[in-house]
Amino acid sequence: MLSQSTVDRLRGRFGPEVQPWLDGVPTLVARLSARWGLEVAARMTGGTSVTFRCRRSDGSGAYLKLTPDPDVFATEAAALRAWSSSPAVVSLLDVADEDNALLIEALEPGTPLADWRPAADLLASLRDVPPPTGFPTVADRVDFMYDLARRRNPGVPGELLDGSHAAARRLADTGSVVRLVHGDLHPANVLLGARGYVAIDPRPCLGDPDLDVVDWAFLDVTTVDQLRSRVAGLRVLDEDRAFEWSRALAVLLLMSHVRRGIDDAQTPLFRQLAETLV
């Protein structure tokens, strides 16, 4: 039921001790399919989970999302509930707490957002929810991102990662506005549905919502002047802080490019910004 690449990815993320959970996925899917009246149509990919596109007994679509990590499950479920009044966030249909399982609405046609302009309204909608309690902080999210970057990129100079991490932590520690932050709002996590573009797969945290701006600030941008103009166009809460978030996290984007062998028109911009942090 799971491809070898999925098994390898989750073993790389969670360690070899995740293997019994992986072995049990077919049984778990069968049990939840019976419980929720699902017919599995396709398997999807994800960083911390396995997701199955399903057809419900009433003919509607849904995603069955499973993770071996109870914290990932609990925080995502709590965030989707907190955003339940927002049309800009995918709807949570049901949960199975004992199985770390989410049943989530399917978005049709599900095309990823490739234009930064609709992102401005989506970002505003995400911010327009009173901050709940019980979530990790943006500082926690930043530390996790850099811990993961160090594991994935062992050859990167330490001073480069340290400078980037320190800049991001300063922003996380000094923000005066606290909102529920998506935490992983790249274009592939914003899909077109019947009510417009909708965010999926949050890695939620509490703190400065301008962290969510970064991927949209850089989309198709190749110069610092273009980056500043884009930040202004996204109608962020604080243009200076949103630019500084982009500058700090440019190192992570540069490492992603290098790891995947990408050298495109954006790579020099990432390098330019990264050099200002050392």
Protein backbone atom coordinates (compact mmCIF):
# COMPACT_ATOMS: atom_id res chain seq x y z
CA MET A 1 0.00 0.00 0.00
CA LEU A 2 2.94 2.35 0.68
CA SER A 3 5.64 2.99 -1.90
CA GLN A 4 9.26 2.42 -0.98
CA SER A 5 9.93 6.15 -1.32
CA THR A 6 7.20 6.87 1.24
CA VAL A 7 8.62 4.29 3.62
CA ASP A 8 12.13 5.69 3.21
CA ARG A 9 10.93 9.26 3.72
CA LEU A 10 9.07 8.48 6.93
CA ARG A 11 11.92 6.32 8.25
CA GLY A 12 14.25 9.22 7.53
CA ARG A 13 11.97 11.61 9.41
CA PHE A 14 11.02 9.43 12.39
CA GLY A 15 13.78 6.82 12.52
CA PRO A 16 13.64 3.03 12.11
CA GLU A 17 11.32 2.73 15.09
CA VAL A 18 8.48 3.93 12.86
CA GLN A 19 8.53 0.64 10.93
CA PRO A 20 5.84 -1.15 13.01
CA TRP A 21 3.51 1.79 12.39
CA LEU A 22 4.26 1.64 8.65
CA ASP A 23 3.57 -2.10 8.64
CA GLY A 24 0.20 -1.45 10.25
CA VAL A 25 -0.99 1.20 7.79
CA PRO A 26 -2.99 -1.21 5.54
CA THR A 27 -4.95 -2.51 8.53
CA LEU A 28 -5.48 1.00 9.84
CA VAL A 29 -6.76 2.23 6.48
CA ALA A 30 -9.14 -0.71 6.20
CA ARG A 31 -10.55 -0.09 9.67
CA LEU A 32 -11.03 3.65 9.13
CA SER A 33 -12.50 3.09 5.67
CA ALA A 34 -15.14 0.86 7.22
CA ARG A 35 -15.79 3.37 10.00
CA TRP A 36 -16.21 6.36 7.69
CA GLY A 37 -17.56 4.66 4.57
CA LEU A 38 -14.50 5.37 2.41
CA GLU A 39 -13.18 3.91 -0.81
CA VAL A 40 -9.48 4.67 -1.34
CA ALA A 41 -8.79 6.18 -4.77
CA ALA A 42 -5.18 7.33 -4.60
CA ARG A 43 -2.20 7.70 -2.30
CA MET A 44 -0.68 11.15 -1.73
CA THR A 45 2.69 12.27 -0.36
CA GLY A 46 3.53 14.28 2.75
CA GLY A 47 6.41 15.13 5.01
CA THR A 48 5.12 13.66 8.28
CA SER A 49 2.14 11.61 7.18
CA VAL A 50 0.54 9.36 4.61
CA THR A 51 -2.60 10.65 2.92
CA PHE A 52 -5.19 8.83 0.84
CA ARG A 53 -7.65 10.43 -1.52
CA CYS A 54 -11.00 8.75 -0.90
CA ARG A 55 -14.59 8.66 -2.09
CA ARG A 56 -17.23 8.75 0.65
CA SER A 57 -20.42 6.70 0.56
CA ASP A 58 -22.42 9.81 -0.42
CA GLY A 59 -20.17 10.33 -3.45
CA SER A 60 -18.23 13.28 -2.07
CA GLY A 61 -14.46 13.34 -1.84
CA ALA A 62 -12.27 13.38 1.26
CA TYR A 63 -8.68 12.90 2.34
CA LEU A 64 -7.71 10.37 4.98
CA LYS A 65 -4.53 11.61 6.66
CA LEU A 66 -2.50 9.41 9.01
CA THR A 67 0.63 10.19 11.00
CA PRO A 68 2.73 8.25 13.50
CA ASP A 69 3.29 11.46 15.48
CA PRO A 70 0.49 12.24 17.95
CA ASP A 71 1.67 15.85 18.35
CA VAL A 72 1.51 16.49 14.60
CA PHE A 73 -2.00 15.02 14.57
CA ALA A 74 -3.22 16.94 17.62
CA THR A 75 -1.90 20.35 16.60
CA GLU A 76 -3.20 20.08 13.03
CA ALA A 77 -6.65 19.00 14.25
CA ALA A 78 -6.72 21.84 16.79
CA ALA A 79 -5.66 24.40 14.17
CA LEU A 80 -8.32 23.28 11.67
CA ARG A 81 -10.92 23.60 14.42
CA ALA A 82 -9.65 27.08 15.34
CA TRP A 83 -9.91 28.15 11.69
CA SER A 84 -13.27 26.43 11.13
CA SER A 85 -15.00 29.76 10.48
CA SER A 86 -12.48 30.76 7.80
CA PRO A 87 -13.26 29.88 4.18
CA ALA A 88 -9.52 30.09 3.51
CA VAL A 89 -8.72 26.87 5.42
CA VAL A 90 -9.62 23.30 4.57
CA SER A 91 -12.47 21.82 6.62
CA LEU A 92 -11.98 19.04 9.14
CA LEU A 93 -14.74 16.46 8.71
CA ASP A 94 -13.88 14.02 11.50
CA VAL A 95 -11.01 12.65 13.59
CA ALA A 96 -10.04 9.34 15.13
CA ASP A 97 -7.95 10.40 18.12
CA GLU A 98 -6.83 6.88 18.98
CA ASP A 99 -5.39 6.43 15.47
CA ASN A 100 -3.90 9.92 14.86
CA ALA A 101 -6.24 10.12 11.86
CA LEU A 102 -7.87 13.12 10.18
CA LEU A 103 -10.70 13.07 7.67
CA ILE A 104 -10.46 16.27 5.63
CA GLU A 105 -12.57 17.72 2.83
CA ALA A 106 -11.34 17.21 -0.72
CA LEU A 107 -10.77 20.36 -2.75
CA GLU A 108 -11.76 20.37 -6.41
CA PRO A 109 -9.99 20.88 -8.73
CA GLY A 110 -7.20 21.12 -6.14
CA THR A 111 -4.84 23.14 -8.34
CA PRO A 112 -1.94 24.70 -6.37
CA LEU A 113 -1.81 28.48 -6.26
CA ALA A 114 0.86 29.79 -8.65
CA ASP A 115 0.14 33.53 -8.38
CA TRP A 116 1.04 35.67 -5.36
CA ARG A 117 -1.90 38.05 -5.69
CA PRO A 118 -4.66 35.87 -4.18
CA ALA A 119 -2.28 35.09 -1.32
CA ALA A 120 -2.73 38.59 0.13
CA ASP A 121 -6.42 37.95 0.88
CA LEU A 122 -5.69 34.45 2.12
CA LEU A 123 -3.02 35.70 4.54
CA ALA A 124 -5.43 38.33 5.85
CA SER A 125 -8.12 35.70 6.37
CA LEU A 126 -5.73 33.50 8.36
CA ARG A 127 -4.88 36.47 10.59
CA ASP A 128 -8.55 37.31 11.14
CA VAL A 129 -9.05 34.69 13.84
CA PRO A 130 -8.56 35.34 17.57
CA PRO A 131 -5.42 33.51 18.73
CA PRO A 132 -6.24 30.28 20.58
CA THR A 133 -4.06 28.70 23.26
CA GLY A 134 -2.18 25.44 23.55
CA PHE A 135 0.02 25.64 20.45
CA PRO A 136 3.80 25.76 20.07
CA THR A 137 5.26 29.22 19.54
CA VAL A 138 6.77 30.64 16.37
CA ALA A 139 10.12 30.37 18.19
CA ASP A 140 9.51 26.64 18.60
CA ARG A 141 8.71 26.37 14.90
CA VAL A 142 11.86 28.28 13.95
CA ASP A 143 14.05 26.02 16.11
CA PHE A 144 12.45 22.94 14.54
CA MET A 145 13.05 24.26 11.01
CA TYR A 146 16.73 24.83 11.68
CA ASP A 147 17.22 21.52 13.47
CA LEU A 148 15.74 19.83 10.41
CA ALA A 149 17.90 21.92 8.07
CA ARG A 150 21.05 20.88 9.92
CA ARG A 151 20.13 17.20 9.61
CA ARG A 152 19.29 17.50 5.92
CA ASN A 153 22.30 19.63 4.98
CA PRO A 154 25.31 18.42 7.01
CA GLY A 155 27.82 20.07 4.68
CA VAL A 156 26.48 23.63 5.04
CA PRO A 157 28.88 26.00 6.86
CA GLY A 158 27.80 26.33 10.47
CA GLU A 159 28.19 30.11 10.53
CA LEU A 160 25.69 30.45 7.68
CA LEU A 161 23.01 28.42 9.45
CA ASP A 162 23.81 30.01 12.81
CA GLY A 163 23.46 33.54 11.42
CA SER A 164 20.18 32.69 9.70
CA HIS A 165 18.81 30.92 12.78
CA ALA A 166 19.75 33.82 15.05
CA ALA A 167 18.05 36.33 12.75
CA ALA A 168 14.87 34.25 12.64
CA ARG A 169 14.86 33.77 16.41
CA ARG A 170 15.21 37.53 16.97
CA LEU A 171 12.10 38.05 14.89
CA ALA A 172 10.25 35.24 16.65
CA ASP A 173 11.18 36.62 20.07
CA THR A 174 10.32 40.28 19.39
CA GLY A 175 6.97 40.19 17.62
CA SER A 176 4.23 42.22 19.29
CA VAL A 177 1.30 40.64 17.42
CA VAL A 178 0.22 37.09 18.21
CA ARG A 179 -1.92 35.10 15.80
CA LEU A 180 -2.34 31.47 14.84
CA VAL A 181 0.32 30.95 12.17
CA HIS A 182 0.08 28.29 9.46
CA GLY A 183 3.81 27.59 9.59
CA ASP A 184 4.21 25.89 6.19
CA LEU A 185 2.32 28.11 3.76
CA HIS A 186 4.13 27.40 0.49
CA PRO A 187 2.25 27.37 -2.85
CA ALA A 188 1.72 23.59 -2.88
CA ASN A 189 -0.22 23.97 0.39
CA VAL A 190 -2.75 26.39 -1.10
CA LEU A 191 -5.25 24.66 -3.41
CA LEU A 192 -8.17 25.84 -5.50
CA GLY A 193 -11.57 24.70 -4.28
CA ALA A 194 -15.17 25.68 -4.90
CA ARG A 195 -14.90 28.67 -2.52
CA GLY A 196 -11.54 29.90 -3.84
CA TYR A 197 -8.01 29.22 -2.70
CA VAL A 198 -7.75 27.23 0.52
CA ALA A 199 -4.80 26.47 2.82
CA ILE A 200 -4.05 22.87 3.78
CA ASP A 201 -1.49 21.02 5.91
CA PRO A 202 -0.70 23.58 8.64
CA ARG A 203 2.23 23.23 11.01
CA PRO A 204 0.55 25.60 13.43
CA CYS A 205 2.19 27.86 15.96
CA LEU A 206 1.45 31.10 17.80
CA GLY A 207 3.27 34.34 17.13
CA ASP A 208 4.10 36.74 14.31
CA PRO A 209 1.84 35.91 11.34
CA ASP A 210 4.26 37.51 8.88
CA LEU A 211 6.27 34.28 9.05
CA ASP A 212 3.66 32.94 6.61
CA VAL A 213 4.51 35.64 4.06
CA VAL A 214 7.96 34.36 3.06
CA ASP A 215 7.17 31.89 0.27
CA TRP A 216 4.80 34.39 -1.36
CA ALA A 217 7.29 37.23 -1.02
CA PHE A 218 9.82 35.21 -3.02
CA LEU A 219 7.47 33.75 -5.63
CA ASP A 220 8.98 34.67 -9.05
CA VAL A 221 11.10 37.41 -7.44
CA THR A 222 14.78 37.81 -8.41
CA THR A 223 15.98 41.11 -6.92
CA VAL A 224 15.92 42.82 -3.52
CA ASP A 225 13.88 45.71 -4.92
CA GLN A 226 11.30 43.27 -6.28
CA LEU A 227 11.22 41.54 -2.90
CA ARG A 228 10.46 44.80 -1.08
CA SER A 229 7.75 45.65 -3.62
CA ARG A 230 6.20 42.21 -3.24
CA VAL A 231 6.13 42.46 0.56
CA ALA A 232 4.25 45.74 0.24
CA GLY A 233 1.82 44.19 -2.25
CA LEU A 234 1.00 41.35 0.13
CA ARG A 235 -0.45 43.84 2.66
CA VAL A 236 1.50 42.38 5.56
CA LEU A 237 1.19 43.59 9.14
CA ASP A 238 4.72 45.04 9.24
CA GLU A 239 6.66 45.48 5.99
CA ASP A 240 10.05 45.78 7.68
CA ARG A 241 9.56 42.62 9.72
CA ALA A 242 8.17 40.70 6.74
CA PHE A 243 11.25 41.66 4.72
CA GLU A 244 13.50 40.58 7.59
CA TRP A 245 11.69 37.23 7.81
CA SER A 246 12.36 36.78 4.10
CA ARG A 247 16.02 37.74 4.48
CA ALA A 248 16.52 35.38 7.42
CA LEU A 249 14.85 32.39 5.77
CA ALA A 250 16.53 32.91 2.38
CA VAL A 251 19.27 30.59 3.66
CA LEU A 252 16.79 27.71 3.99
CA LEU A 253 15.53 28.33 0.46
CA LEU A 254 19.10 28.45 -0.83
CA MET A 255 19.89 25.12 0.84
CA SER A 256 16.79 23.58 -0.72
CA HIS A 257 17.95 24.74 -4.14
CA VAL A 258 21.47 23.38 -3.63
CA ARG A 259 20.22 20.05 -2.26
CA ARG A 260 17.97 19.55 -5.30
CA GLY A 261 20.54 20.77 -7.81
CA ILE A 262 18.55 23.89 -8.76
CA ASP A 263 20.41 26.95 -10.05
CA ASP A 264 17.79 29.32 -11.42
CA ALA A 265 17.14 33.06 -11.56
CA GLN A 266 16.28 33.15 -7.84
CA THR A 267 19.42 31.42 -6.60
CA PRO A 268 21.63 34.56 -6.75
CA LEU A 269 19.04 36.47 -4.71
CA PHE A 270 19.04 33.78 -2.03
CA ARG A 271 22.85 33.87 -1.95
CA GLN A 272 22.90 37.66 -1.79
CA LEU A 273 20.55 37.72 1.19
CA ALA A 274 22.30 34.82 2.91
CA GLU A 275 25.64 36.65 2.75
CA THR A 276 24.17 39.55 4.74
CA LEU A 277 23.59 37.21 7.70
CA VAL A 278 27.16 35.95 8.19
